Amino acid sequence: MLEPSVDNLLTKINSKYALVIVSSKRARELQDVDNVMVEAPQSTKNVGVALEEIMDEKLTLDEDVV
């Protein structure tokens, strides 16, 4: 089972399309610069870490930009 679940993530960002864009951009950023915003991430992959950051509300979507 994937953690965090998509249903839980959609409570933080209302659109699954925006969720994909935000998490992929953050994953690319993590690939270039290792500055993880969550303590002891469970995932070893950058996309998983980005999703954990969204779930912990360390990473949010600015509605004006999208």
PDB file of N, CA and C in Angstrom:
ATOM      1  N   MET A   1       0.847  -1.179   0.000  1.00  0.00           N
ATOM      2  CA  MET A   1       0.000   0.000   0.000  1.00  0.00           C
ATOM      3  C   MET A   1       0.890   1.239   0.000  1.00  0.00           C
ATOM      4  N   LEU A   2       0.521   2.206  -0.790  1.00  0.00           N
ATOM      5  CA  LEU A   2       1.283   3.437  -0.875  1.00  0.00           C
ATOM      6  C   LEU A   2       0.930   4.362   0.276  1.00  0.00           C
ATOM      7  N   GLU A   3       1.933   4.975   0.813  1.00  0.00           N
ATOM      8  CA  GLU A   3       1.736   5.958   1.875  1.00  0.00           C
ATOM      9  C   GLU A   3       2.470   7.225   1.499  1.00  0.00           C
ATOM     10  N   PRO A   4       1.915   8.373   1.609  1.00  0.00           N
ATOM     11  CA  PRO A   4       0.527   8.661   1.961  1.00  0.00           C
ATOM     12  C   PRO A   4      -0.406   8.324   0.801  1.00  0.00           C
ATOM     13  N   SER A   5      -1.641   8.012   1.129  1.00  0.00           N
ATOM     14  CA  SER A   5      -2.604   7.610   0.099  1.00  0.00           C
ATOM     15  C   SER A   5      -3.064   8.821  -0.712  1.00  0.00           C
ATOM     16  N   VAL A   6      -3.513   8.559  -1.906  1.00  0.00           N
ATOM     17  CA  VAL A   6      -3.986   9.622  -2.790  1.00  0.00           C
ATOM     18  C   VAL A   6      -5.176  10.340  -2.168  1.00  0.00           C
ATOM     19  N   ASP A   7      -6.054   9.599  -1.522  1.00  0.00           N
ATOM     20  CA  ASP A   7      -7.220  10.225  -0.880  1.00  0.00           C
ATOM     21  C   ASP A   7      -6.794  11.216   0.192  1.00  0.00           C
ATOM     22  N   ASN A   8      -5.799  10.855   0.988  1.00  0.00           N
ATOM     23  CA  ASN A   8      -5.304  11.771   2.020  1.00  0.00           C
ATOM     24  C   ASN A   8      -4.611  12.975   1.398  1.00  0.00           C
ATOM     25  N   LEU A   9      -3.859  12.757   0.329  1.00  0.00           N
ATOM     26  CA  LEU A   9      -3.170  13.862  -0.339  1.00  0.00           C
ATOM     27  C   LEU A   9      -4.154  14.844  -0.963  1.00  0.00           C
ATOM     28  N   LEU A  10      -5.277  14.337  -1.449  1.00  0.00           N
ATOM     29  CA  LEU A  10      -6.271  15.215  -2.069  1.00  0.00           C
ATOM     30  C   LEU A  10      -6.980  16.103  -1.054  1.00  0.00           C
ATOM     31  N   THR A  11      -6.817  15.835   0.232  1.00  0.00           N
ATOM     32  CA  THR A  11      -7.334  16.758   1.245  1.00  0.00           C
ATOM     33  C   THR A  11      -6.411  17.967   1.385  1.00  0.00           C
ATOM     34  N   LYS A  12      -5.159  17.823   0.941  1.00  0.00           N
ATOM     35  CA  LYS A  12      -4.181  18.918   1.022  1.00  0.00           C
ATOM     36  C   LYS A  12      -4.169  19.749  -0.254  1.00  0.00           C
ATOM     37  N   ILE A  13      -4.227  19.072  -1.407  1.00  0.00           N
ATOM     38  CA  ILE A  13      -4.281  19.728  -2.714  1.00  0.00           C
ATOM     39  C   ILE A  13      -5.494  19.150  -3.428  1.00  0.00           C
ATOM     40  N   ASN A  14      -6.427  20.002  -3.808  1.00  0.00           N
ATOM     41  CA  ASN A  14      -7.743  19.547  -4.265  1.00  0.00           C
ATOM     42  C   ASN A  14      -7.771  18.888  -5.636  1.00  0.00           C
ATOM     43  N   SER A  15      -6.774  19.092  -6.449  1.00  0.00           N
ATOM     44  CA  SER A  15      -6.774  18.552  -7.802  1.00  0.00           C
ATOM     45  C   SER A  15      -5.683  17.500  -7.946  1.00  0.00           C
ATOM     46  N   LYS A  16      -6.043  16.345  -8.487  1.00  0.00           N
ATOM     47  CA  LYS A  16      -5.027  15.307  -8.672  1.00  0.00           C
ATOM     48  C   LYS A  16      -4.006  15.735  -9.717  1.00  0.00           C
ATOM     49  N   TYR A  17      -4.405  16.574 -10.658  1.00  0.00           N
ATOM     50  CA  TYR A  17      -3.480  17.070 -11.669  1.00  0.00           C
ATOM     51  C   TYR A  17      -2.473  18.037 -11.050  1.00  0.00           C
ATOM     52  N   ALA A  18      -2.940  18.918 -10.202  1.00  0.00           N
ATOM     53  CA  ALA A  18      -2.044  19.835  -9.503  1.00  0.00           C
ATOM     54  C   ALA A  18      -1.123  19.067  -8.562  1.00  0.00           C
ATOM     55  N   LEU A  19      -1.632  18.025  -7.952  1.00  0.00           N
ATOM     56  CA  LEU A  19      -0.831  17.186  -7.066  1.00  0.00           C
ATOM     57  C   LEU A  19       0.339  16.564  -7.823  1.00  0.00           C
ATOM     58  N   VAL A  20       0.085  16.082  -9.025  1.00  0.00           N
ATOM     59  CA  VAL A  20       1.138  15.492  -9.855  1.00  0.00           C
ATOM     60  C   VAL A  20       2.177  16.539 -10.229  1.00  0.00           C
ATOM     61  N   ILE A  21       1.732  17.721 -10.618  1.00  0.00           N
ATOM     62  CA  ILE A  21       2.659  18.773 -11.031  1.00  0.00           C
ATOM     63  C   ILE A  21       3.532  19.222  -9.866  1.00  0.00           C
ATOM     64  N   VAL A  22       2.914  19.482  -8.720  1.00  0.00           N
ATOM     65  CA  VAL A  22       3.660  19.952  -7.549  1.00  0.00           C
ATOM     66  C   VAL A  22       4.662  18.898  -7.090  1.00  0.00           C
ATOM     67  N   SER A  23       4.236  17.657  -7.011  1.00  0.00           N
ATOM     68  CA  SER A  23       5.133  16.607  -6.526  1.00  0.00           C
ATOM     69  C   SER A  23       6.265  16.336  -7.511  1.00  0.00           C
ATOM     70  N   SER A  24       5.993  16.402  -8.807  1.00  0.00           N
ATOM     71  CA  SER A  24       7.062  16.151  -9.774  1.00  0.00           C
ATOM     72  C   SER A  24       8.078  17.286  -9.802  1.00  0.00           C
ATOM     73  N   LYS A  25       7.605  18.527  -9.681  1.00  0.00           N
ATOM     74  CA  LYS A  25       8.543  19.656  -9.634  1.00  0.00           C
ATOM     75  C   LYS A  25       9.413  19.590  -8.387  1.00  0.00           C
ATOM     76  N   ARG A  26       8.815  19.223  -7.277  1.00  0.00           N
ATOM     77  CA  ARG A  26       9.582  19.107  -6.029  1.00  0.00           C
ATOM     78  C   ARG A  26      10.572  17.940  -6.108  1.00  0.00           C
ATOM     79  N   ALA A  27      10.174  16.845  -6.744  1.00  0.00           N
ATOM     80  CA  ALA A  27      11.069  15.697  -6.890  1.00  0.00           C
ATOM     81  C   ALA A  27      12.288  16.072  -7.723  1.00  0.00           C
ATOM     82  N   ARG A  28      12.083  16.841  -8.775  1.00  0.00           N
ATOM     83  CA  ARG A  28      13.225  17.297  -9.582  1.00  0.00           C
ATOM     84  C   ARG A  28      14.127  18.219  -8.780  1.00  0.00           C
ATOM     85  N   GLU A  29      13.527  19.065  -7.968  1.00  0.00           N
ATOM     86  CA  GLU A  29      14.314  19.951  -7.112  1.00  0.00           C
ATOM     87  C   GLU A  29      15.137  19.137  -6.119  1.00  0.00           C
ATOM     88  N   LEU A  30      14.540  18.106  -5.553  1.00  0.00           N
ATOM     89  CA  LEU A  30      15.258  17.246  -4.611  1.00  0.00           C
ATOM     90  C   LEU A  30      16.385  16.488  -5.294  1.00  0.00           C
ATOM     91  N   GLN A  31      16.221  16.194  -6.571  1.00  0.00           N
ATOM     92  CA  GLN A  31      17.262  15.502  -7.317  1.00  0.00           C
ATOM     93  C   GLN A  31      18.491  16.393  -7.472  1.00  0.00           C
ATOM     94  N   ASP A  32      18.261  17.694  -7.666  1.00  0.00           N
ATOM     95  CA  ASP A  32      19.361  18.636  -7.841  1.00  0.00           C
ATOM     96  C   ASP A  32      19.988  19.047  -6.516  1.00  0.00           C
ATOM     97  N   VAL A  33      19.150  19.345  -5.531  1.00  0.00           N
ATOM     98  CA  VAL A  33      19.617  19.820  -4.226  1.00  0.00           C
ATOM     99  C   VAL A  33      18.917  19.005  -3.148  1.00  0.00           C
ATOM    100  N   ASP A  34      19.682  18.365  -2.305  1.00  0.00           N
ATOM    101  CA  ASP A  34      19.105  17.500  -1.271  1.00  0.00           C
ATOM    102  C   ASP A  34      18.760  18.332  -0.037  1.00  0.00           C
ATOM    103  N   ASN A  35      17.564  18.934  -0.049  1.00  0.00           N
ATOM    104  CA  ASN A  35      17.109  19.739   1.088  1.00  0.00           C
ATOM    105  C   ASN A  35      15.723  19.270   1.526  1.00  0.00           C
ATOM    106  N   VAL A  36      15.676  18.089   2.093  1.00  0.00           N
ATOM    107  CA  VAL A  36      14.419  17.471   2.517  1.00  0.00           C
ATOM    108  C   VAL A  36      13.818  18.271   3.668  1.00  0.00           C
ATOM    109  N   MET A  37      12.501  18.542   3.579  1.00  0.00           N
ATOM    110  CA  MET A  37      11.830  19.350   4.594  1.00  0.00           C
ATOM    111  C   MET A  37      11.139  18.527   5.672  1.00  0.00           C
ATOM    112  N   VAL A  38      11.138  17.200   5.553  1.00  0.00           N
ATOM    113  CA  VAL A  38      10.545  16.346   6.585  1.00  0.00           C
ATOM    114  C   VAL A  38      11.659  15.598   7.298  1.00  0.00           C
ATOM    115  N   GLU A  39      11.440  15.353   8.570  1.00  0.00           N
ATOM    116  CA  GLU A  39      12.419  14.594   9.337  1.00  0.00           C
ATOM    117  C   GLU A  39      12.218  13.111   9.096  1.00  0.00           C
ATOM    118  N   ALA A  40      13.273  12.411   8.787  1.00  0.00           N
ATOM    119  CA  ALA A  40      13.273  10.958   8.590  1.00  0.00           C
ATOM    120  C   ALA A  40      12.181  10.500   7.624  1.00  0.00           C
ATOM    121  N   PRO A  41      12.298  10.873   6.345  1.00  0.00           N
ATOM    122  CA  PRO A  41      11.284  10.432   5.386  1.00  0.00           C
ATOM    123  C   PRO A  41      11.280   8.910   5.244  1.00  0.00           C
ATOM    124  N   GLN A  42      10.095   8.343   5.070  1.00  0.00           N
ATOM    125  CA  GLN A  42       9.968   6.896   4.925  1.00  0.00           C
ATOM    126  C   GLN A  42      10.388   6.444   3.534  1.00  0.00           C
ATOM    127  N   SER A  43      10.187   7.286   2.552  1.00  0.00           N
ATOM    128  CA  SER A  43      10.488   6.929   1.171  1.00  0.00           C
ATOM    129  C   SER A  43      11.946   7.214   0.843  1.00  0.00           C
ATOM    130  N   THR A  44      12.503   6.382  -0.010  1.00  0.00           N
ATOM    131  CA  THR A  44      13.871   6.607  -0.477  1.00  0.00           C
ATOM    132  C   THR A  44      13.876   7.305  -1.832  1.00  0.00           C
ATOM    133  N   LYS A  45      12.711   7.417  -2.449  1.00  0.00           N
ATOM    134  CA  LYS A  45      12.612   8.045  -3.767  1.00  0.00           C
ATOM    135  C   LYS A  45      12.131   9.484  -3.620  1.00  0.00           C
ATOM    136  N   ASN A  46      12.587  10.333  -4.543  1.00  0.00           N
ATOM    137  CA  ASN A  46      12.285  11.760  -4.456  1.00  0.00           C
ATOM    138  C   ASN A  46      10.794  12.067  -4.559  1.00  0.00           C
ATOM    139  N   VAL A  47      10.071  11.350  -5.395  1.00  0.00           N
ATOM    140  CA  VAL A  47       8.630  11.594  -5.517  1.00  0.00           C
ATOM    141  C   VAL A  47       7.928  11.247  -4.208  1.00  0.00           C
ATOM    142  N   GLY A  48       8.323  10.157  -3.586  1.00  0.00           N
ATOM    143  CA  GLY A  48       7.741   9.766  -2.302  1.00  0.00           C
ATOM    144  C   GLY A  48       8.019  10.789  -1.219  1.00  0.00           C
ATOM    145  N   VAL A  49       9.242  11.325  -1.217  1.00  0.00           N
ATOM    146  CA  VAL A  49       9.595  12.364  -0.243  1.00  0.00           C
ATOM    147  C   VAL A  49       8.752  13.612  -0.491  1.00  0.00           C
ATOM    148  N   ALA A  50       8.572  13.980  -1.752  1.00  0.00           N
ATOM    149  CA  ALA A  50       7.743  15.143  -2.086  1.00  0.00           C
ATOM    150  C   ALA A  50       6.309  14.947  -1.610  1.00  0.00           C
ATOM    151  N   LEU A  51       5.775  13.749  -1.779  1.00  0.00           N
ATOM    152  CA  LEU A  51       4.410  13.474  -1.319  1.00  0.00           C
ATOM    153  C   LEU A  51       4.322  13.521   0.202  1.00  0.00           C
ATOM    154  N   GLU A  52       5.359  13.067   0.885  1.00  0.00           N
ATOM    155  CA  GLU A  52       5.379  13.164   2.352  1.00  0.00           C
ATOM    156  C   GLU A  52       5.418  14.622   2.788  1.00  0.00           C
ATOM    157  N   GLU A  53       6.166  15.455   2.058  1.00  0.00           N
ATOM    158  CA  GLU A  53       6.218  16.882   2.379  1.00  0.00           C
ATOM    159  C   GLU A  53       4.850  17.534   2.187  1.00  0.00           C
ATOM    160  N   ILE A  54       4.138  17.133   1.153  1.00  0.00           N
ATOM    161  CA  ILE A  54       2.783  17.659   0.933  1.00  0.00           C
ATOM    162  C   ILE A  54       1.868  17.224   2.070  1.00  0.00           C
ATOM    163  N   MET A  55       1.958  15.969   2.458  1.00  0.00           N
ATOM    164  CA  MET A  55       1.094  15.446   3.528  1.00  0.00           C
ATOM    165  C   MET A  55       1.372  16.148   4.852  1.00  0.00           C
ATOM    166  N   ASP A  56       2.637  16.470   5.122  1.00  0.00           N
ATOM    167  CA  ASP A  56       3.004  17.159   6.361  1.00  0.00           C
ATOM    168  C   ASP A  56       2.823  18.668   6.268  1.00  0.00           C
ATOM    169  N   GLU A  57       2.277  19.132   5.146  1.00  0.00           N
ATOM    170  CA  GLU A  57       2.028  20.555   4.886  1.00  0.00           C
ATOM    171  C   GLU A  57       3.303  21.389   4.916  1.00  0.00           C
ATOM    172  N   LYS A  58       4.420  20.769   4.582  1.00  0.00           N
ATOM    173  CA  LYS A  58       5.678  21.500   4.422  1.00  0.00           C
ATOM    174  C   LYS A  58       5.764  22.070   3.010  1.00  0.00           C
ATOM    175  N   LEU A  59       5.007  21.464   2.104  1.00  0.00           N
ATOM    176  CA  LEU A  59       4.957  21.876   0.710  1.00  0.00           C
ATOM    177  C   LEU A  59       3.494  22.102   0.357  1.00  0.00           C
ATOM    178  N   THR A  60       3.180  23.302  -0.111  1.00  0.00           N
ATOM    179  CA  THR A  60       1.792  23.639  -0.429  1.00  0.00           C
ATOM    180  C   THR A  60       1.699  24.182  -1.847  1.00  0.00           C
ATOM    181  N   LEU A  61       0.487  24.311  -2.320  1.00  0.00           N
ATOM    182  CA  LEU A  61       0.218  24.828  -3.655  1.00  0.00           C
ATOM    183  C   LEU A  61      -0.246  26.268  -3.539  1.00  0.00           C
ATOM    184  N   ASP A  62       0.399  27.153  -4.284  1.00  0.00           N
ATOM    185  CA  ASP A  62      -0.029  28.545  -4.354  1.00  0.00           C
ATOM    186  C   ASP A  62      -1.049  28.651  -5.486  1.00  0.00           C
ATOM    187  N   GLU A  63      -2.311  28.817  -5.148  1.00  0.00           N
ATOM    188  CA  GLU A  63      -3.400  28.820  -6.129  1.00  0.00           C
ATOM    189  C   GLU A  63      -3.248  29.929  -7.169  1.00  0.00           C
ATOM    190  N   ASP A  64      -2.573  31.027  -6.825  1.00  0.00           N
ATOM    191  CA  ASP A  64      -2.406  32.131  -7.762  1.00  0.00           C
ATOM    192  C   ASP A  64      -1.444  31.777  -8.891  1.00  0.00           C
ATOM    193  N   VAL A  65      -0.510  30.893  -8.627  1.00  0.00           N
ATOM    194  CA  VAL A  65       0.491  30.524  -9.620  1.00  0.00           C
ATOM    195  C   VAL A  65      -0.072  29.542 -10.630  1.00  0.00           C
ATOM    196  N   VAL A  66      -0.924  28.646 -10.164  1.00  0.00           N
ATOM    197  CA  VAL A  66      -1.469  27.609 -11.052  1.00  0.00           C
ATOM    198  C   VAL A  66      -2.564  28.161 -11.844  1.00  0.00           C
TER     199      VAL A  66
END
